[in-house]
Amino acid sequence: MQKFEPVGRKMLVEPLKEDNYTTSVGIELVQLEFQKVRVVEVSKEYSDMYIPGDVVVISSSSGIGQMYNGDACLWIDAKAAPDGDVWFIVREYENDDAI
């Protein structure tokens, strides 16, 4: 098993499988612009912003493919869009009071 340590603004992420949303009348909506990815490895420069396991959203056309320990991953720019690839971090809350 290898361990990659990204440098500079680079981050290694793994695309997440996400089901399409179906409306109440049965119309299936397909997300073509963005995709959710899970952070696998992050550079020291951005380790205060992201940690492995974080879910972030990037443009569907972002990244350079790289197999990493048997998984298909992407190298992306950890800087926020439009200068980088990350549009936002997905946070899950136990209840709506936290929002």
N, C-alpha and C. Protein backbone atom coordinates (compact mmCIF):
# COMPACT_ATOMS: atom_id res chain seq x y z
N MET A 1 0.84 -1.18 0.00
CA MET A 1 0.00 0.00 0.00
C MET A 1 0.88 1.24 0.00
N GLN A 2 0.55 2.19 -0.86
CA GLN A 2 1.31 3.43 -0.94
C GLN A 2 0.61 4.53 -0.18
N LYS A 3 1.38 5.53 0.23
CA LYS A 3 0.84 6.73 0.86
C LYS A 3 1.38 7.91 0.08
N PHE A 4 0.49 8.69 -0.52
CA PHE A 4 0.88 9.89 -1.24
C PHE A 4 0.74 11.08 -0.31
N GLU A 5 1.69 11.99 -0.37
CA GLU A 5 1.61 13.24 0.38
C GLU A 5 1.57 14.38 -0.63
N PRO A 6 0.39 14.94 -0.87
CA PRO A 6 0.27 16.03 -1.83
C PRO A 6 1.11 17.23 -1.41
N VAL A 7 1.56 18.01 -2.38
CA VAL A 7 2.33 19.22 -2.11
C VAL A 7 1.60 20.43 -2.70
N GLY A 8 1.91 21.60 -2.17
CA GLY A 8 1.31 22.83 -2.68
C GLY A 8 -0.19 22.86 -2.47
N ARG A 9 -0.91 23.16 -3.55
CA ARG A 9 -2.37 23.30 -3.48
C ARG A 9 -3.11 22.02 -3.88
N LYS A 10 -2.39 20.92 -4.00
CA LYS A 10 -3.01 19.68 -4.49
C LYS A 10 -3.72 18.90 -3.38
N MET A 11 -4.77 18.18 -3.81
CA MET A 11 -5.53 17.33 -2.91
C MET A 11 -5.99 16.11 -3.71
N LEU A 12 -5.93 14.94 -3.10
CA LEU A 12 -6.38 13.71 -3.74
C LEU A 12 -7.77 13.39 -3.21
N VAL A 13 -8.73 13.18 -4.12
CA VAL A 13 -10.12 12.93 -3.72
C VAL A 13 -10.66 11.71 -4.45
N GLU A 14 -11.70 11.12 -3.87
CA GLU A 14 -12.36 9.97 -4.48
C GLU A 14 -13.81 10.35 -4.79
N PRO A 15 -14.21 10.24 -6.07
CA PRO A 15 -15.59 10.57 -6.42
C PRO A 15 -16.58 9.67 -5.69
N LEU A 16 -17.70 10.26 -5.26
CA LEU A 16 -18.74 9.51 -4.57
C LEU A 16 -19.88 9.21 -5.53
N LYS A 17 -20.43 8.02 -5.41
CA LYS A 17 -21.60 7.64 -6.20
C LYS A 17 -22.81 8.31 -5.57
N GLU A 18 -23.54 9.05 -6.40
CA GLU A 18 -24.72 9.74 -5.89
C GLU A 18 -25.91 9.45 -6.79
N ASP A 19 -27.01 9.06 -6.18
CA ASP A 19 -28.22 8.78 -6.94
C ASP A 19 -28.84 10.07 -7.46
N ASN A 20 -29.47 9.98 -8.62
CA ASN A 20 -30.20 11.12 -9.15
C ASN A 20 -31.43 11.38 -8.29
N TYR A 21 -31.85 12.63 -8.26
CA TYR A 21 -33.02 13.03 -7.47
C TYR A 21 -34.27 12.85 -8.33
N THR A 22 -35.31 12.22 -7.76
CA THR A 22 -36.58 12.05 -8.45
C THR A 22 -37.62 12.92 -7.77
N THR A 23 -38.28 13.77 -8.56
CA THR A 23 -39.29 14.67 -8.01
C THR A 23 -40.56 13.90 -7.65
N SER A 24 -41.49 14.59 -6.99
CA SER A 24 -42.74 13.95 -6.56
C SER A 24 -43.60 13.49 -7.73
N VAL A 25 -43.38 14.04 -8.91
CA VAL A 25 -44.15 13.62 -10.10
C VAL A 25 -43.35 12.66 -10.98
N GLY A 26 -42.22 12.17 -10.48
CA GLY A 26 -41.47 11.14 -11.17
C GLY A 26 -40.43 11.62 -12.17
N ILE A 27 -40.11 12.90 -12.16
CA ILE A 27 -39.07 13.41 -13.06
C ILE A 27 -37.71 13.21 -12.40
N GLU A 28 -36.79 12.56 -13.11
CA GLU A 28 -35.46 12.31 -12.58
C GLU A 28 -34.53 13.46 -12.98
N LEU A 29 -33.92 14.08 -11.98
CA LEU A 29 -33.00 15.19 -12.21
C LEU A 29 -31.57 14.68 -12.10
N VAL A 30 -30.78 14.92 -13.12
CA VAL A 30 -29.40 14.45 -13.18
C VAL A 30 -28.47 15.65 -12.96
N GLN A 31 -27.54 15.50 -12.04
CA GLN A 31 -26.57 16.57 -11.75
C GLN A 31 -25.41 16.42 -12.72
N LEU A 32 -25.25 17.37 -13.62
CA LEU A 32 -24.19 17.31 -14.63
C LEU A 32 -23.06 18.29 -14.36
N GLU A 33 -23.32 19.33 -13.60
CA GLU A 33 -22.34 20.39 -13.39
C GLU A 33 -21.36 20.11 -12.26
N PHE A 34 -21.86 19.51 -11.16
CA PHE A 34 -21.04 19.31 -9.98
C PHE A 34 -21.01 17.83 -9.58
N GLN A 35 -19.99 17.48 -8.79
CA GLN A 35 -19.93 16.13 -8.22
C GLN A 35 -19.38 16.22 -6.81
N LYS A 36 -19.87 15.32 -5.95
CA LYS A 36 -19.35 15.21 -4.60
C LYS A 36 -18.16 14.26 -4.61
N VAL A 37 -17.13 14.63 -3.85
CA VAL A 37 -15.94 13.79 -3.71
C VAL A 37 -15.52 13.76 -2.25
N ARG A 38 -14.85 12.68 -1.85
CA ARG A 38 -14.35 12.54 -0.48
C ARG A 38 -12.85 12.78 -0.49
N VAL A 39 -12.39 13.61 0.43
CA VAL A 39 -10.96 13.91 0.55
C VAL A 39 -10.22 12.66 1.04
N VAL A 40 -9.19 12.28 0.30
CA VAL A 40 -8.37 11.12 0.65
C VAL A 40 -7.04 11.59 1.26
N GLU A 41 -6.36 12.49 0.57
CA GLU A 41 -5.09 13.04 1.05
C GLU A 41 -5.09 14.53 0.75
N VAL A 42 -4.52 15.31 1.66
CA VAL A 42 -4.48 16.76 1.50
C VAL A 42 -3.07 17.26 1.83
N SER A 43 -2.64 18.30 1.14
CA SER A 43 -1.31 18.85 1.38
C SER A 43 -1.25 19.55 2.74
N LYS A 44 -0.04 19.70 3.27
CA LYS A 44 0.13 20.40 4.54
C LYS A 44 -0.38 21.84 4.46
N GLU A 45 -0.25 22.43 3.28
CA GLU A 45 -0.68 23.81 3.08
C GLU A 45 -2.18 24.00 3.32
N TYR A 46 -2.98 22.97 3.06
CA TYR A 46 -4.43 23.07 3.21
C TYR A 46 -4.99 22.16 4.30
N SER A 47 -4.12 21.59 5.13
CA SER A 47 -4.57 20.66 6.16
C SER A 47 -5.37 21.34 7.27
N ASP A 48 -5.30 22.68 7.37
CA ASP A 48 -6.13 23.38 8.36
C ASP A 48 -7.53 23.65 7.81
N MET A 49 -7.74 23.43 6.51
CA MET A 49 -9.05 23.66 5.90
C MET A 49 -9.80 22.35 5.64
N TYR A 50 -9.07 21.31 5.23
CA TYR A 50 -9.68 20.02 4.90
C TYR A 50 -8.99 18.91 5.69
N ILE A 51 -9.76 17.87 6.00
CA ILE A 51 -9.19 16.67 6.60
C ILE A 51 -9.66 15.47 5.79
N PRO A 52 -8.88 14.38 5.76
CA PRO A 52 -9.35 13.19 5.06
C PRO A 52 -10.73 12.78 5.59
N GLY A 53 -11.62 12.47 4.65
CA GLY A 53 -12.99 12.11 5.00
C GLY A 53 -13.98 13.23 4.72
N ASP A 54 -13.50 14.48 4.64
CA ASP A 54 -14.40 15.58 4.29
C ASP A 54 -15.01 15.33 2.92
N VAL A 55 -16.24 15.79 2.74
CA VAL A 55 -16.89 15.72 1.43
C VAL A 55 -16.95 17.14 0.89
N VAL A 56 -16.43 17.30 -0.32
CA VAL A 56 -16.44 18.61 -0.98
C VAL A 56 -17.11 18.47 -2.34
N VAL A 57 -17.51 19.60 -2.91
CA VAL A 57 -18.14 19.59 -4.22
C VAL A 57 -17.22 20.31 -5.20
N ILE A 58 -17.00 19.66 -6.34
CA ILE A 58 -16.15 20.20 -7.40
C ILE A 58 -16.93 20.18 -8.72
N SER A 59 -16.43 20.89 -9.70
CA SER A 59 -17.01 20.83 -11.04
C SER A 59 -16.79 19.43 -11.60
N SER A 60 -17.76 18.94 -12.35
CA SER A 60 -17.65 17.59 -12.91
C SER A 60 -16.47 17.42 -13.86
N SER A 61 -15.97 18.52 -14.39
CA SER A 61 -14.85 18.44 -15.33
C SER A 61 -13.50 18.63 -14.64
N SER A 62 -13.48 18.74 -13.32
CA SER A 62 -12.23 18.98 -12.58
C SER A 62 -11.44 17.70 -12.37
N GLY A 63 -10.16 17.86 -12.19
CA GLY A 63 -9.31 16.78 -11.74
C GLY A 63 -8.58 16.00 -12.82
N ILE A 64 -7.52 15.34 -12.36
CA ILE A 64 -6.71 14.45 -13.18
C ILE A 64 -6.76 13.08 -12.52
N GLY A 65 -7.13 12.05 -13.29
CA GLY A 65 -7.31 10.71 -12.74
C GLY A 65 -6.03 10.07 -12.24
N GLN A 66 -6.16 9.31 -11.15
CA GLN A 66 -5.01 8.61 -10.54
C GLN A 66 -5.55 7.42 -9.76
N MET A 67 -5.06 6.22 -10.06
CA MET A 67 -5.38 5.06 -9.23
C MET A 67 -4.57 5.18 -7.94
N TYR A 68 -5.23 4.95 -6.81
CA TYR A 68 -4.56 5.08 -5.51
C TYR A 68 -5.03 3.93 -4.63
N ASN A 69 -4.13 3.00 -4.38
CA ASN A 69 -4.43 1.82 -3.56
C ASN A 69 -5.69 1.10 -4.02
N GLY A 70 -5.83 0.96 -5.34
CA GLY A 70 -6.95 0.23 -5.92
C GLY A 70 -8.21 1.03 -6.16
N ASP A 71 -8.23 2.31 -5.80
CA ASP A 71 -9.41 3.15 -6.00
C ASP A 71 -9.14 4.22 -7.05
N ALA A 72 -10.15 4.51 -7.86
CA ALA A 72 -10.05 5.56 -8.86
C ALA A 72 -10.23 6.91 -8.17
N CYS A 73 -9.19 7.73 -8.19
CA CYS A 73 -9.21 9.02 -7.51
C CYS A 73 -8.90 10.14 -8.49
N LEU A 74 -8.99 11.37 -8.01
CA LEU A 74 -8.68 12.55 -8.81
C LEU A 74 -7.75 13.46 -8.04
N TRP A 75 -6.80 14.06 -8.74
CA TRP A 75 -6.00 15.14 -8.19
C TRP A 75 -6.72 16.44 -8.52
N ILE A 76 -6.98 17.26 -7.51
CA ILE A 76 -7.63 18.55 -7.74
C ILE A 76 -6.84 19.65 -7.04
N ASP A 77 -7.18 20.88 -7.37
CA ASP A 77 -6.60 22.06 -6.73
C ASP A 77 -7.45 22.37 -5.50
N ALA A 78 -6.86 22.37 -4.31
CA ALA A 78 -7.60 22.54 -3.06
C ALA A 78 -8.11 23.95 -2.82
N LYS A 79 -7.65 24.90 -3.62
CA LYS A 79 -8.09 26.28 -3.44
C LYS A 79 -9.56 26.41 -3.86
N ALA A 80 -10.26 27.36 -3.25
CA ALA A 80 -11.67 27.59 -3.57
C ALA A 80 -11.83 28.11 -5.00
N ALA A 81 -12.95 27.72 -5.63
CA ALA A 81 -13.28 28.21 -6.97
C ALA A 81 -13.55 29.71 -6.91
N PRO A 82 -13.26 30.47 -7.93
CA PRO A 82 -12.90 30.04 -9.27
C PRO A 82 -11.40 29.84 -9.48
N ASP A 83 -10.56 30.16 -8.52
CA ASP A 83 -9.12 29.99 -8.68
C ASP A 83 -8.68 28.54 -8.52
N GLY A 84 -9.48 27.74 -7.80
CA GLY A 84 -9.20 26.33 -7.59
C GLY A 84 -10.41 25.51 -8.00
N ASP A 85 -10.49 24.28 -7.49
CA ASP A 85 -11.55 23.36 -7.90
C ASP A 85 -12.69 23.20 -6.90
N VAL A 86 -12.51 23.62 -5.64
CA VAL A 86 -13.50 23.35 -4.60
C VAL A 86 -14.55 24.46 -4.54
N TRP A 87 -15.81 24.06 -4.68
CA TRP A 87 -16.92 25.02 -4.60
C TRP A 87 -17.44 25.15 -3.18
N PHE A 88 -17.58 24.04 -2.45
CA PHE A 88 -17.99 24.10 -1.05
C PHE A 88 -17.74 22.77 -0.35
N ILE A 89 -17.75 22.84 0.98
CA ILE A 89 -17.61 21.66 1.82
C ILE A 89 -19.01 21.26 2.28
N VAL A 90 -19.32 19.98 2.22
CA VAL A 90 -20.62 19.48 2.65
C VAL A 90 -20.53 19.14 4.14
N ARG A 91 -21.43 19.73 4.91
CA ARG A 91 -21.49 19.44 6.36
C ARG A 91 -22.83 18.79 6.66
N GLU A 92 -22.81 17.78 7.48
CA GLU A 92 -24.04 17.10 7.93
C GLU A 92 -24.30 17.51 9.37
N TYR A 93 -25.55 17.80 9.67
CA TYR A 93 -25.95 18.20 11.02
C TYR A 93 -26.98 17.22 11.56
N GLU A 94 -26.89 16.97 12.86
CA GLU A 94 -27.83 16.06 13.54
C GLU A 94 -29.25 16.63 13.51
N ASN A 95 -29.37 17.94 13.69
CA ASN A 95 -30.69 18.57 13.67
C ASN A 95 -30.58 19.95 13.04
N ASP A 96 -31.71 20.52 12.71
CA ASP A 96 -31.74 21.82 12.04
C ASP A 96 -31.33 22.97 12.94
N ASP A 97 -31.28 22.76 14.27
CA ASP A 97 -30.90 23.83 15.20
C ASP A 97 -29.45 24.24 15.00
N ALA A 98 -28.62 23.37 14.44
CA ALA A 98 -27.19 23.68 14.25
C ALA A 98 -26.97 24.59 13.06
N ILE A 99 -27.98 24.75 12.23
CA ILE A 99 -27.82 25.55 11.02
C ILE A 99 -28.18 27.00 11.30
